[in-house]
Amino acid sequence: MPILLSAVLLLALAALSGCATRQTLPPEAIQDPAVRETAHALWLQYLHTAKSRNSEAPFLIGASLRYSTPDSGHRLVLRAWGNGLDPMRIDIEAGVGQTLALIRQDSHSFVAYDPRGQKAYVNNDTGNVLLRFGLPVPFGIRDLGNLMTGRFDRVIPGEYSSVAIAPGGGFAYTLPATSRDGHGSVLRLNAAGQPEEWVAGKGTNRMALTIAGYDTPEALPRRFTIQMGEDKNAILLIRERAWPETPFSDAQLAVDIPAGTHIKPLPRN
């Protein structure tokens, strides 16, 4: 796998983090109307908090990413920024001065420039760019940005079909199947209405995302852990999260591709 593809994998997993605890679908939905009402109120609180986060606010995030697959394992540095999420920029480094990828994505295009290989990967379908790298990961670059800025409702389905009491407190909500996973999923909220685990898919396409590092009920998480199937996992640790008052300029959100760069389409699955 080229260095650039590895870099995007961490991104993908970037939204993601270390080995998640396996969770099965709740065996039995809550029957008590009073408890169901409490669970629904917590769900509404979760959605309100996620939706209240300004989708147009400039953001700047610094993070470290460690991921492991049967073929490799790396620790990378990730820097993401944007005015809201369209467009979004991400740079990935293996160390000081070792840039692996410069990435830009908006609502209709994606470009990833590999300065060391002098290659650029482009795609007009922005919804499955990570899958195009051969990764069974249900996150795109914009999804990653939404997760890191706490806009969970833009990634996780906003309705549930049943709810059960979760081990350790809080509730586990069974979510309907979507084009993303095709099998439905389970989201676990803690007693403060914060998402702590999201499990989707089955078998080799199973994804378990653990979200942690909340300092206060209003705080954003600092740690994302994802496990895909049985042998792929990643940990994304947020080191810095800022909300600049001045929007980024078009030049700051651009990826300049030098003349002579080999332009390639994203690989098929």
Protein backbone atom coordinates (compact mmCIF):
# COMPACT_ATOMS: atom_id res chain seq x y z
CA MET A 1 0.00 0.00 0.00
CA PRO A 2 1.56 3.38 -1.01
CA ILE A 3 2.49 5.81 1.76
CA LEU A 4 -0.36 8.09 0.74
CA LEU A 5 -2.88 5.29 1.02
CA SER A 6 -1.53 4.44 4.45
CA ALA A 7 -1.89 8.07 5.40
CA VAL A 8 -5.51 8.14 4.40
CA LEU A 9 -6.10 4.92 6.30
CA LEU A 10 -5.09 6.59 9.48
CA LEU A 11 -7.43 9.37 8.57
CA ALA A 12 -10.16 6.96 8.03
CA LEU A 13 -9.38 5.34 11.26
CA ALA A 14 -8.65 8.77 12.26
CA ALA A 15 -12.05 9.30 13.18
CA LEU A 16 -11.57 6.51 14.99
CA SER A 17 -9.26 5.00 17.91
CA GLY A 18 -7.72 1.82 19.82
CA CYS A 19 -9.45 -1.53 20.32
CA ALA A 20 -13.17 -1.14 21.03
CA THR A 21 -15.07 -3.39 23.40
CA ARG A 22 -17.34 -5.69 21.48
CA GLN A 23 -21.02 -4.95 21.87
CA THR A 24 -23.93 -7.08 20.70
CA LEU A 25 -27.39 -5.88 19.88
CA PRO A 26 -29.58 -5.41 22.97
CA PRO A 27 -31.42 -8.70 23.59
CA GLU A 28 -34.57 -7.01 24.78
CA ALA A 29 -36.08 -3.55 24.32
CA ILE A 30 -37.37 -1.58 27.29
CA GLN A 31 -41.04 -2.24 27.98
CA ASP A 32 -41.64 0.17 30.90
CA PRO A 33 -43.19 3.36 29.45
CA ALA A 34 -41.58 5.58 32.10
CA VAL A 35 -38.11 4.21 31.35
CA ARG A 36 -38.72 4.53 27.61
CA GLU A 37 -39.67 8.17 28.17
CA THR A 38 -36.45 8.78 30.10
CA ALA A 39 -34.44 7.15 27.31
CA HIS A 40 -36.20 9.27 24.68
CA ALA A 41 -35.50 12.45 26.64
CA LEU A 42 -31.80 11.52 26.76
CA TRP A 43 -31.84 10.90 22.99
CA LEU A 44 -33.36 14.34 22.36
CA GLN A 45 -30.74 15.90 24.62
CA TYR A 46 -27.97 14.20 22.63
CA LEU A 47 -29.41 15.41 19.31
CA HIS A 48 -29.92 18.96 20.58
CA THR A 49 -26.30 19.17 21.76
CA ALA A 50 -24.92 17.85 18.48
CA LYS A 51 -27.12 20.07 16.30
CA SER A 52 -26.32 23.18 18.37
CA ARG A 53 -22.65 23.06 17.40
CA ASN A 54 -22.14 25.68 14.70
CA SER A 55 -21.46 23.97 11.38
CA GLU A 56 -20.08 27.21 9.91
CA ALA A 57 -17.53 27.98 12.64
CA PRO A 58 -13.85 27.90 11.63
CA PHE A 59 -11.97 25.12 13.41
CA LEU A 60 -8.38 23.96 13.80
CA ILE A 61 -7.56 20.50 15.15
CA GLY A 62 -4.24 18.84 15.89
CA ALA A 63 -4.18 15.12 16.63
CA SER A 64 -2.02 12.03 16.73
CA LEU A 65 -3.10 8.84 15.07
CA ARG A 66 -1.90 5.32 15.69
CA TYR A 67 -3.28 2.48 13.60
CA SER A 68 -2.60 -1.18 13.04
CA THR A 69 -3.49 -3.63 10.27
CA PRO A 70 -2.21 -7.16 9.54
CA ASP A 71 0.32 -5.60 7.14
CA SER A 72 1.51 -2.51 8.95
CA GLY A 73 1.27 -0.14 11.89
CA HIS A 74 2.11 3.54 12.10
CA ARG A 75 1.86 6.60 14.29
CA LEU A 76 1.08 9.81 12.45
CA VAL A 77 0.39 13.45 13.10
CA LEU A 78 -2.81 14.93 11.71
CA ARG A 79 -3.77 18.59 11.31
CA ALA A 80 -7.27 19.52 10.12
CA TRP A 81 -8.91 22.88 9.52
CA GLY A 82 -11.77 24.57 7.71
CA ASN A 83 -14.61 27.08 7.85
CA GLY A 84 -17.27 24.66 8.92
CA LEU A 85 -16.73 21.51 6.85
CA ASP A 86 -16.83 22.63 3.21
CA PRO A 87 -14.09 22.63 2.15
CA MET A 88 -12.03 20.75 4.69
CA ARG A 89 -8.23 20.47 4.71
CA ILE A 90 -6.12 17.81 6.34
CA ASP A 91 -2.35 17.40 6.38
CA ILE A 92 -0.75 14.15 7.51
CA GLU A 93 2.83 13.85 8.69
CA ALA A 94 4.99 10.93 9.79
CA GLY A 95 7.21 13.27 11.81
CA VAL A 96 8.68 16.76 11.78
CA GLY A 97 9.07 17.83 8.17
CA GLN A 98 7.89 14.48 6.76
CA THR A 99 4.60 15.32 5.06
CA LEU A 100 2.78 12.29 3.69
CA ALA A 101 -0.39 13.82 2.28
CA LEU A 102 -2.11 17.15 1.72
CA ILE A 103 -5.85 16.55 1.43
CA ARG A 104 -8.77 18.76 0.49
CA GLN A 105 -12.40 17.75 0.23
CA ASP A 106 -15.57 19.70 -0.43
CA SER A 107 -19.10 18.64 -1.29
CA HIS A 108 -18.23 17.58 -4.84
CA SER A 109 -14.50 16.80 -5.06
CA PHE A 110 -11.59 15.21 -3.28
CA VAL A 111 -7.85 15.60 -3.87
CA ALA A 112 -4.95 14.04 -1.97
CA TYR A 113 -1.45 15.17 -2.93
CA ASP A 114 1.58 13.04 -2.07
CA PRO A 115 4.55 15.48 -2.15
CA ARG A 116 7.15 12.73 -1.81
CA GLY A 117 5.78 10.60 -4.65
CA GLN A 118 4.70 13.65 -6.69
CA LYS A 119 1.29 12.08 -7.20
CA ALA A 120 -2.23 13.40 -6.70
CA TYR A 121 -5.33 11.25 -6.26
CA VAL A 122 -8.64 12.79 -7.30
CA ASN A 123 -12.27 11.77 -7.14
CA ASN A 124 -15.63 13.43 -7.79
CA ASP A 125 -17.55 11.06 -5.51
CA THR A 126 -16.72 12.34 -2.02
CA GLY A 127 -18.96 9.96 -0.11
CA ASN A 128 -16.78 6.85 -0.20
CA VAL A 129 -13.22 8.06 -0.69
CA LEU A 130 -11.89 5.81 2.03
CA LEU A 131 -13.62 2.78 0.56
CA ARG A 132 -11.93 3.61 -2.73
CA PHE A 133 -8.63 2.98 -0.98
CA GLY A 134 -9.78 -0.55 -0.30
CA LEU A 135 -10.68 0.13 3.32
CA PRO A 136 -13.91 -1.27 4.87
CA VAL A 137 -14.39 2.00 6.79
CA PRO A 138 -17.75 3.81 6.85
CA PHE A 139 -16.16 7.25 7.26
CA GLY A 140 -15.31 9.88 4.72
CA ILE A 141 -13.14 12.95 5.31
CA ARG A 142 -16.15 15.12 6.07
CA ASP A 143 -17.47 12.45 8.47
CA LEU A 144 -14.15 12.57 10.27
CA GLY A 145 -14.40 16.33 10.61
CA ASN A 146 -17.95 16.04 11.94
CA LEU A 147 -16.87 13.52 14.57
CA MET A 148 -13.89 15.58 15.72
CA THR A 149 -16.07 18.69 16.09
CA GLY A 150 -18.88 16.87 17.90
CA ARG A 151 -21.46 17.02 15.11
CA PHE A 152 -22.37 13.39 15.60
CA ASP A 153 -25.84 13.76 14.10
CA ARG A 154 -24.26 14.30 10.67
CA VAL A 155 -22.60 10.89 10.78
CA ILE A 156 -24.78 8.68 12.99
CA PRO A 157 -28.45 8.08 12.03
CA GLY A 158 -30.81 10.48 13.80
CA GLU A 159 -33.62 8.05 14.59
CA TYR A 160 -33.87 4.83 16.58
CA SER A 161 -36.27 1.89 16.42
CA SER A 162 -35.85 0.49 19.95
CA VAL A 163 -33.88 1.14 23.10
CA ALA A 164 -32.46 -0.98 25.91
CA ILE A 165 -30.73 -0.25 29.20
CA ALA A 166 -26.98 -0.35 28.58
CA PRO A 167 -24.60 -2.19 30.91
CA GLY A 168 -22.91 0.31 33.17
CA GLY A 169 -25.62 2.97 32.82
CA GLY A 170 -27.17 4.96 30.03
CA PHE A 171 -29.07 3.47 27.10
CA ALA A 172 -28.31 1.50 23.92
CA TYR A 173 -30.35 2.63 20.89
CA THR A 174 -30.90 0.37 17.92
CA LEU A 175 -30.67 2.46 14.75
CA PRO A 176 -32.18 1.60 11.36
CA ALA A 177 -30.15 0.24 8.47
CA THR A 178 -28.67 2.82 6.09
CA SER A 179 -26.79 2.75 2.81
CA ARG A 180 -23.65 3.14 4.93
CA ASP A 181 -23.89 -0.20 6.74
CA GLY A 182 -26.96 -2.05 5.44
CA HIS A 183 -27.49 -3.92 8.73
CA GLY A 184 -28.51 -1.31 11.27
CA SER A 185 -26.36 -0.29 14.23
CA VAL A 186 -26.36 0.36 17.96
CA LEU A 187 -25.43 3.67 19.62
CA ARG A 188 -24.75 3.76 23.35
CA LEU A 189 -25.23 7.03 25.24
CA ASN A 190 -24.03 7.54 28.79
CA ALA A 191 -26.19 9.09 31.50
CA ALA A 192 -25.08 12.59 30.39
CA GLY A 193 -26.31 12.00 26.83
CA GLN A 194 -22.79 11.66 25.39
CA PRO A 195 -22.10 9.01 22.72
CA GLU A 196 -19.68 6.40 24.02
CA GLU A 197 -19.90 3.56 21.50
CA TRP A 198 -21.31 3.03 18.04
CA VAL A 199 -21.32 -0.46 16.51
CA ALA A 200 -22.32 -1.06 12.89
CA GLY A 201 -22.02 -3.78 10.28
CA LYS A 202 -21.27 -7.47 10.58
CA GLY A 203 -18.37 -9.84 10.07
CA THR A 204 -15.37 -8.36 8.28
CA ASN A 205 -17.34 -5.15 7.73
CA ARG A 206 -18.09 -4.71 11.43
CA MET A 207 -17.04 -1.36 12.86
CA ALA A 208 -16.93 -0.54 16.57
CA LEU A 209 -16.25 3.12 17.38
CA THR A 210 -15.55 4.06 20.99
CA ILE A 211 -15.70 7.74 21.94
CA ALA A 212 -14.10 8.90 25.20
CA GLY A 213 -12.23 11.68 26.95
CA TYR A 214 -15.14 13.91 27.95
CA ASP A 215 -13.95 16.33 30.64
CA THR A 216 -17.39 17.83 31.35
CA PRO A 217 -20.95 17.13 30.17
CA GLU A 218 -20.58 19.93 27.59
CA ALA A 219 -17.07 19.01 26.45
CA LEU A 220 -16.05 17.41 23.18
CA PRO A 221 -14.33 14.00 23.29
CA ARG A 222 -10.56 13.74 23.04
CA ARG A 223 -10.21 10.06 22.14
CA PHE A 224 -11.69 8.03 19.29
CA THR A 225 -11.08 4.31 18.99
CA ILE A 226 -12.17 2.20 16.06
CA GLN A 227 -11.92 -1.49 15.35
CA MET A 228 -12.77 -2.93 11.95
CA GLY A 229 -13.43 -6.62 11.69
CA GLU A 230 -11.01 -8.61 13.84
CA ASP A 231 -7.62 -7.22 12.86
CA LYS A 232 -7.72 -3.51 12.05
CA ASN A 233 -7.82 -0.77 14.65
CA ALA A 234 -6.81 2.83 15.22
CA ILE A 235 -6.60 5.41 17.99
CA LEU A 236 -7.09 9.11 17.33
CA LEU A 237 -6.10 11.45 20.15
CA ILE A 238 -7.09 15.11 19.89
CA ARG A 239 -4.14 17.21 21.07
CA GLU A 240 -5.47 20.63 20.11
CA ARG A 241 -8.90 21.94 19.21
CA ALA A 242 -9.39 25.65 18.53
CA TRP A 243 -12.10 27.88 17.06
CA PRO A 244 -10.39 30.81 15.26
CA GLU A 245 -12.35 34.05 15.10
CA THR A 246 -11.12 34.82 11.58
CA PRO A 247 -12.18 32.46 8.78
CA PHE A 248 -9.48 30.75 6.75
CA SER A 249 -8.80 32.28 3.33
CA ASP A 250 -9.28 30.43 0.04
CA ALA A 251 -5.51 30.16 -0.24
CA GLN A 252 -5.27 28.53 3.19
CA LEU A 253 -7.89 25.97 2.16
CA ALA A 254 -6.31 25.14 -1.19
CA VAL A 255 -3.94 22.33 -2.13
CA ASP A 256 -1.43 23.52 -4.70
CA ILE A 257 -0.41 20.74 -7.08
CA PRO A 258 2.92 21.47 -8.82
CA ALA A 259 3.28 21.19 -12.57
CA GLY A 260 4.39 17.72 -13.61
CA THR A 261 2.48 15.95 -10.83
CA HIS A 262 1.06 12.59 -11.90
CA ILE A 263 -2.74 12.81 -11.50
CA LYS A 264 -4.48 9.52 -10.76
CA PRO A 265 -8.08 8.53 -9.95
CA LEU A 266 -8.76 6.98 -6.60
CA PRO A 267 -8.42 3.18 -6.80
CA ARG A 268 -11.57 1.11 -7.01
CA ASN A 269 -12.51 -1.17 -4.13
